[in-house]
Amino acid sequence: MGKTRTRMLVEAGAMIALAQVLSYLVIFEGPFGGSVTAGSMIPIMIFAIRWGWKNGLLAGAVYGVLQFLLGPKWSFHPISLLFDYPLAFGPLGLAGLFKEDLKGVLAGVTLGLLGRFIAHVISGVLVFASYAPEGMHPLVYSLSYNASYLGPELLISLVIIGLLYRYLKPYIILR
């Protein structure tokens, strides 16, 4: 049991570090935060698929804190600190919920990104409402702003994990 736990913690650290490095490969960045990267969330999701959704939630939340500590700061509001970082990145661990086949893995990846999207939308409505153009409801603004970068992130993640799944399946699915 001790060796397995140590291995899981080491893999978590390695995947969080890899995700952080990939987050610096930015394809597009929004004017108020949020960016499309070269698959930066994939290591967290692969970790969740390998070690389960509960461990994945924790690894995702730790990655979120690291994103705040090492990334650009858009707000120091307590709601933003919570919803844009640990509560946004934690749900990436949901990728480990349905790991028996490719269809399930892709559903888990979608669910993880949906969780991140919801957290950012809540933060957008509560903290960034003043950025909404005049006459636009803050919810509509937050939905559209966050979809502008998380939609492409979802597509990138689905394509890359879809392509890698067959090759990685023997290594990522623990029995």
C-alpha atoms as a PDB file:
ATOM      1  CA  MET A   1       0.000   0.000   0.000  1.00  0.00           C
ATOM      2  CA  GLY A   2       2.817   2.422   0.859  1.00  0.00           C
ATOM      3  CA  LYS A   3       4.569   1.961  -2.489  1.00  0.00           C
ATOM      4  CA  THR A   4       1.327   2.549  -4.379  1.00  0.00           C
ATOM      5  CA  ARG A   5       0.587   5.754  -2.468  1.00  0.00           C
ATOM      6  CA  THR A   6       4.124   7.026  -3.011  1.00  0.00           C
ATOM      7  CA  ARG A   7       3.881   6.238  -6.713  1.00  0.00           C
ATOM      8  CA  MET A   8       0.535   8.064  -6.939  1.00  0.00           C
ATOM      9  CA  LEU A   9       1.942  11.157  -5.202  1.00  0.00           C
ATOM     10  CA  VAL A  10       5.027  11.192  -7.426  1.00  0.00           C
ATOM     11  CA  GLU A  11       2.873  10.853 -10.537  1.00  0.00           C
ATOM     12  CA  ALA A  12       0.582  13.629  -9.274  1.00  0.00           C
ATOM     13  CA  GLY A  13       3.565  15.945  -8.846  1.00  0.00           C
ATOM     14  CA  ALA A  14       4.935  15.073 -12.280  1.00  0.00           C
ATOM     15  CA  MET A  15       1.583  15.558 -14.008  1.00  0.00           C
ATOM     16  CA  ILE A  16       0.904  18.848 -12.222  1.00  0.00           C
ATOM     17  CA  ALA A  17       4.356  20.069 -13.259  1.00  0.00           C
ATOM     18  CA  LEU A  18       3.804  18.942 -16.859  1.00  0.00           C
ATOM     19  CA  ALA A  19       0.417  20.672 -16.925  1.00  0.00           C
ATOM     20  CA  GLN A  20       2.025  23.868 -15.638  1.00  0.00           C
ATOM     21  CA  VAL A  21       4.712  23.756 -18.344  1.00  0.00           C
ATOM     22  CA  LEU A  22       2.089  23.118 -21.053  1.00  0.00           C
ATOM     23  CA  SER A  23       0.070  26.079 -19.762  1.00  0.00           C
ATOM     24  CA  TYR A  24       2.888  28.354 -20.940  1.00  0.00           C
ATOM     25  CA  LEU A  25       2.330  27.187 -24.548  1.00  0.00           C
ATOM     26  CA  VAL A  26      -0.459  29.665 -25.213  1.00  0.00           C
ATOM     27  CA  ILE A  27      -2.265  29.650 -28.550  1.00  0.00           C
ATOM     28  CA  PHE A  28      -4.698  32.460 -27.655  1.00  0.00           C
ATOM     29  CA  GLU A  29      -5.202  34.595 -24.541  1.00  0.00           C
ATOM     30  CA  GLY A  30      -8.327  36.560 -23.684  1.00  0.00           C
ATOM     31  CA  PRO A  31      -8.007  40.205 -22.686  1.00  0.00           C
ATOM     32  CA  PHE A  32      -9.110  39.527 -19.081  1.00  0.00           C
ATOM     33  CA  GLY A  33      -7.589  36.086 -18.566  1.00  0.00           C
ATOM     34  CA  GLY A  34      -8.445  32.673 -19.876  1.00  0.00           C
ATOM     35  CA  SER A  35      -6.359  31.137 -22.600  1.00  0.00           C
ATOM     36  CA  VAL A  36      -6.272  28.352 -25.143  1.00  0.00           C
ATOM     37  CA  THR A  37      -3.192  26.234 -24.570  1.00  0.00           C
ATOM     38  CA  ALA A  38      -1.490  23.250 -26.135  1.00  0.00           C
ATOM     39  CA  GLY A  39      -3.456  20.774 -24.030  1.00  0.00           C
ATOM     40  CA  SER A  40      -2.350  21.946 -20.596  1.00  0.00           C
ATOM     41  CA  MET A  41      -5.139  20.141 -18.725  1.00  0.00           C
ATOM     42  CA  ILE A  42      -4.467  16.762 -20.317  1.00  0.00           C
ATOM     43  CA  PRO A  43      -1.860  15.613 -17.764  1.00  0.00           C
ATOM     44  CA  ILE A  44      -4.315  16.260 -14.919  1.00  0.00           C
ATOM     45  CA  MET A  45      -7.041  14.350 -16.732  1.00  0.00           C
ATOM     46  CA  ILE A  46      -4.732  11.424 -17.527  1.00  0.00           C
ATOM     47  CA  PHE A  47      -3.758  11.329 -13.843  1.00  0.00           C
ATOM     48  CA  ALA A  48      -7.470  11.242 -12.910  1.00  0.00           C
ATOM     49  CA  ILE A  49      -8.153   8.443 -15.385  1.00  0.00           C
ATOM     50  CA  ARG A  50      -5.237   6.471 -13.964  1.00  0.00           C
ATOM     51  CA  TRP A  51      -5.762   7.106 -10.231  1.00  0.00           C
ATOM     52  CA  GLY A  52      -9.470   7.874  -9.999  1.00  0.00           C
ATOM     53  CA  TRP A  53     -11.641  10.928  -9.801  1.00  0.00           C
ATOM     54  CA  LYS A  54     -11.094  11.655  -6.102  1.00  0.00           C
ATOM     55  CA  ASN A  55      -7.325  11.833  -6.484  1.00  0.00           C
ATOM     56  CA  GLY A  56      -7.896  13.718  -9.733  1.00  0.00           C
ATOM     57  CA  LEU A  57     -10.005  16.358  -7.983  1.00  0.00           C
ATOM     58  CA  LEU A  58      -7.189  16.995  -5.529  1.00  0.00           C
ATOM     59  CA  ALA A  59      -4.510  17.114  -8.240  1.00  0.00           C
ATOM     60  CA  GLY A  60      -6.671  19.503 -10.271  1.00  0.00           C
ATOM     61  CA  ALA A  61      -7.214  21.788  -7.270  1.00  0.00           C
ATOM     62  CA  VAL A  62      -3.476  21.839  -6.540  1.00  0.00           C
ATOM     63  CA  TYR A  63      -2.848  22.665 -10.199  1.00  0.00           C
ATOM     64  CA  GLY A  64      -5.358  25.508  -9.882  1.00  0.00           C
ATOM     65  CA  VAL A  65      -3.502  26.958  -6.901  1.00  0.00           C
ATOM     66  CA  LEU A  66      -0.248  26.694  -8.863  1.00  0.00           C
ATOM     67  CA  GLN A  67      -1.905  28.492 -11.792  1.00  0.00           C
ATOM     68  CA  PHE A  68      -2.714  31.365  -9.454  1.00  0.00           C
ATOM     69  CA  LEU A  69       0.734  31.444  -7.853  1.00  0.00           C
ATOM     70  CA  LEU A  70       2.709  31.272 -11.114  1.00  0.00           C
ATOM     71  CA  GLY A  71       0.337  32.873 -13.617  1.00  0.00           C
ATOM     72  CA  PRO A  72      -0.956  36.349 -14.343  1.00  0.00           C
ATOM     73  CA  LYS A  73      -3.280  37.792 -11.702  1.00  0.00           C
ATOM     74  CA  TRP A  74      -6.636  39.141 -12.866  1.00  0.00           C
ATOM     75  CA  SER A  75      -8.300  39.522  -9.503  1.00  0.00           C
ATOM     76  CA  PHE A  76      -7.616  39.122  -5.815  1.00  0.00           C
ATOM     77  CA  HIS A  77     -11.292  39.049  -4.905  1.00  0.00           C
ATOM     78  CA  PRO A  78     -11.949  36.067  -2.556  1.00  0.00           C
ATOM     79  CA  ILE A  79     -14.671  34.688  -4.841  1.00  0.00           C
ATOM     80  CA  SER A  80     -12.338  34.866  -7.823  1.00  0.00           C
ATOM     81  CA  LEU A  81      -9.483  33.261  -5.878  1.00  0.00           C
ATOM     82  CA  LEU A  82     -11.739  30.337  -5.029  1.00  0.00           C
ATOM     83  CA  PHE A  83     -13.811  29.912  -8.207  1.00  0.00           C
ATOM     84  CA  ASP A  84     -11.129  30.708 -10.803  1.00  0.00           C
ATOM     85  CA  TYR A  85      -8.453  28.465  -9.366  1.00  0.00           C
ATOM     86  CA  PRO A  86      -9.038  25.453  -7.072  1.00  0.00           C
ATOM     87  CA  LEU A  87     -12.789  25.166  -7.764  1.00  0.00           C
ATOM     88  CA  ALA A  88     -12.242  25.622 -11.505  1.00  0.00           C
ATOM     89  CA  PHE A  89      -9.352  23.221 -11.977  1.00  0.00           C
ATOM     90  CA  GLY A  90     -10.441  20.635  -9.404  1.00  0.00           C
ATOM     91  CA  PRO A  91     -13.290  19.321 -11.601  1.00  0.00           C
ATOM     92  CA  LEU A  92     -10.728  18.207 -14.185  1.00  0.00           C
ATOM     93  CA  GLY A  93     -10.462  15.171 -11.928  1.00  0.00           C
ATOM     94  CA  LEU A  94     -13.939  14.156 -13.058  1.00  0.00           C
ATOM     95  CA  ALA A  95     -12.220  12.812 -16.173  1.00  0.00           C
ATOM     96  CA  GLY A  96     -11.563   9.713 -14.071  1.00  0.00           C
ATOM     97  CA  LEU A  97     -15.234   8.918 -13.501  1.00  0.00           C
ATOM     98  CA  PHE A  98     -15.888   6.846 -16.623  1.00  0.00           C
ATOM     99  CA  LYS A  99     -12.650   5.150 -17.600  1.00  0.00           C
ATOM    100  CA  GLU A 100     -13.692   1.763 -18.931  1.00  0.00           C
ATOM    101  CA  ASP A 101     -13.599   2.726 -22.600  1.00  0.00           C
ATOM    102  CA  LEU A 102     -12.814   5.640 -24.899  1.00  0.00           C
ATOM    103  CA  LYS A 103     -16.410   6.864 -24.960  1.00  0.00           C
ATOM    104  CA  GLY A 104     -16.454   7.034 -21.158  1.00  0.00           C
ATOM    105  CA  VAL A 105     -13.078   8.757 -20.995  1.00  0.00           C
ATOM    106  CA  LEU A 106     -14.227  11.403 -23.473  1.00  0.00           C
ATOM    107  CA  ALA A 107     -17.440  11.872 -21.460  1.00  0.00           C
ATOM    108  CA  GLY A 108     -15.320  12.340 -18.311  1.00  0.00           C
ATOM    109  CA  VAL A 109     -13.087  14.869 -20.068  1.00  0.00           C
ATOM    110  CA  THR A 110     -16.190  16.774 -21.181  1.00  0.00           C
ATOM    111  CA  LEU A 111     -17.624  16.672 -17.667  1.00  0.00           C
ATOM    112  CA  GLY A 112     -14.330  17.947 -16.218  1.00  0.00           C
ATOM    113  CA  LEU A 113     -14.228  20.882 -18.618  1.00  0.00           C
ATOM    114  CA  LEU A 114     -17.900  21.582 -17.966  1.00  0.00           C
ATOM    115  CA  GLY A 115     -17.123  21.786 -14.248  1.00  0.00           C
ATOM    116  CA  ARG A 116     -14.314  24.229 -14.942  1.00  0.00           C
ATOM    117  CA  PHE A 117     -16.611  26.270 -17.194  1.00  0.00           C
ATOM    118  CA  ILE A 118     -19.317  26.485 -14.527  1.00  0.00           C
ATOM    119  CA  ALA A 119     -16.831  27.671 -11.885  1.00  0.00           C
ATOM    120  CA  HIS A 120     -15.482  30.395 -14.182  1.00  0.00           C
ATOM    121  CA  VAL A 121     -18.991  31.493 -15.158  1.00  0.00           C
ATOM    122  CA  ILE A 122     -19.943  31.866 -11.486  1.00  0.00           C
ATOM    123  CA  SER A 123     -16.825  33.946 -10.883  1.00  0.00           C
ATOM    124  CA  GLY A 124     -17.564  36.021 -13.979  1.00  0.00           C
ATOM    125  CA  VAL A 125     -21.075  36.831 -12.860  1.00  0.00           C
ATOM    126  CA  LEU A 126     -20.115  37.605  -9.267  1.00  0.00           C
ATOM    127  CA  VAL A 127     -16.764  39.349  -9.734  1.00  0.00           C
ATOM    128  CA  PHE A 128     -16.367  40.467 -13.340  1.00  0.00           C
ATOM    129  CA  ALA A 129     -19.897  41.674 -14.125  1.00  0.00           C
ATOM    130  CA  SER A 130     -18.646  45.252 -14.564  1.00  0.00           C
ATOM    131  CA  TYR A 131     -16.724  44.142 -17.690  1.00  0.00           C
ATOM    132  CA  ALA A 132     -19.943  43.217 -19.493  1.00  0.00           C
ATOM    133  CA  PRO A 133     -20.729  45.617 -22.336  1.00  0.00           C
ATOM    134  CA  GLU A 134     -23.543  48.021 -21.601  1.00  0.00           C
ATOM    135  CA  GLY A 135     -26.897  46.351 -22.029  1.00  0.00           C
ATOM    136  CA  MET A 136     -25.490  42.823 -21.850  1.00  0.00           C
ATOM    137  CA  HIS A 137     -26.514  40.706 -18.882  1.00  0.00           C
ATOM    138  CA  PRO A 138     -23.461  39.623 -16.817  1.00  0.00           C
ATOM    139  CA  LEU A 139     -24.466  35.952 -17.145  1.00  0.00           C
ATOM    140  CA  VAL A 140     -24.557  36.156 -20.946  1.00  0.00           C
ATOM    141  CA  TYR A 141     -21.217  37.959 -20.924  1.00  0.00           C
ATOM    142  CA  SER A 142     -19.626  35.403 -18.601  1.00  0.00           C
ATOM    143  CA  LEU A 143     -21.005  32.446 -20.578  1.00  0.00           C
ATOM    144  CA  SER A 144     -19.729  33.828 -23.882  1.00  0.00           C
ATOM    145  CA  TYR A 145     -16.368  34.989 -22.546  1.00  0.00           C
ATOM    146  CA  ASN A 146     -15.568  31.693 -20.870  1.00  0.00           C
ATOM    147  CA  ALA A 147     -16.859  29.647 -23.808  1.00  0.00           C
ATOM    148  CA  SER A 148     -14.494  31.586 -26.100  1.00  0.00           C
ATOM    149  CA  TYR A 149     -11.464  29.854 -24.651  1.00  0.00           C
ATOM    150  CA  LEU A 150     -12.835  26.757 -22.894  1.00  0.00           C
ATOM    151  CA  GLY A 151     -14.652  25.572 -26.026  1.00  0.00           C
ATOM    152  CA  PRO A 152     -11.395  25.327 -27.991  1.00  0.00           C
ATOM    153  CA  GLU A 153      -9.659  23.845 -24.906  1.00  0.00           C
ATOM    154  CA  LEU A 154     -12.325  21.125 -24.791  1.00  0.00           C
ATOM    155  CA  LEU A 155     -11.855  20.319 -28.474  1.00  0.00           C
ATOM    156  CA  ILE A 156      -8.068  20.180 -28.127  1.00  0.00           C
ATOM    157  CA  SER A 157      -8.351  17.945 -25.064  1.00  0.00           C
ATOM    158  CA  LEU A 158     -10.855  15.576 -26.696  1.00  0.00           C
ATOM    159  CA  VAL A 159      -8.760  15.233 -29.856  1.00  0.00           C
ATOM    160  CA  ILE A 160      -5.459  14.649 -28.067  1.00  0.00           C
ATOM    161  CA  ILE A 161      -6.866  12.224 -25.495  1.00  0.00           C
ATOM    162  CA  GLY A 162      -8.813  10.478 -28.263  1.00  0.00           C
ATOM    163  CA  LEU A 163      -5.622  10.028 -30.274  1.00  0.00           C
ATOM    164  CA  LEU A 164      -3.530   8.919 -27.294  1.00  0.00           C
ATOM    165  CA  TYR A 165      -6.065   6.646 -25.630  1.00  0.00           C
ATOM    166  CA  ARG A 166      -5.341   3.468 -27.590  1.00  0.00           C
ATOM    167  CA  TYR A 167      -1.618   3.780 -26.954  1.00  0.00           C
ATOM    168  CA  LEU A 168      -1.855   4.825 -23.327  1.00  0.00           C
ATOM    169  CA  LYS A 169      -4.699   2.543 -22.234  1.00  0.00           C
ATOM    170  CA  PRO A 170      -2.421  -0.210 -20.880  1.00  0.00           C
ATOM    171  CA  TYR A 171      -0.633   2.398 -18.731  1.00  0.00           C
ATOM    172  CA  ILE A 172      -3.466   4.652 -17.611  1.00  0.00           C
ATOM    173  CA  ILE A 173      -6.126   2.143 -16.665  1.00  0.00           C
ATOM    174  CA  LEU A 174      -5.199   0.633 -13.298  1.00  0.00           C
ATOM    175  CA  ARG A 175      -6.923  -2.625 -12.522  1.00  0.00           C
END
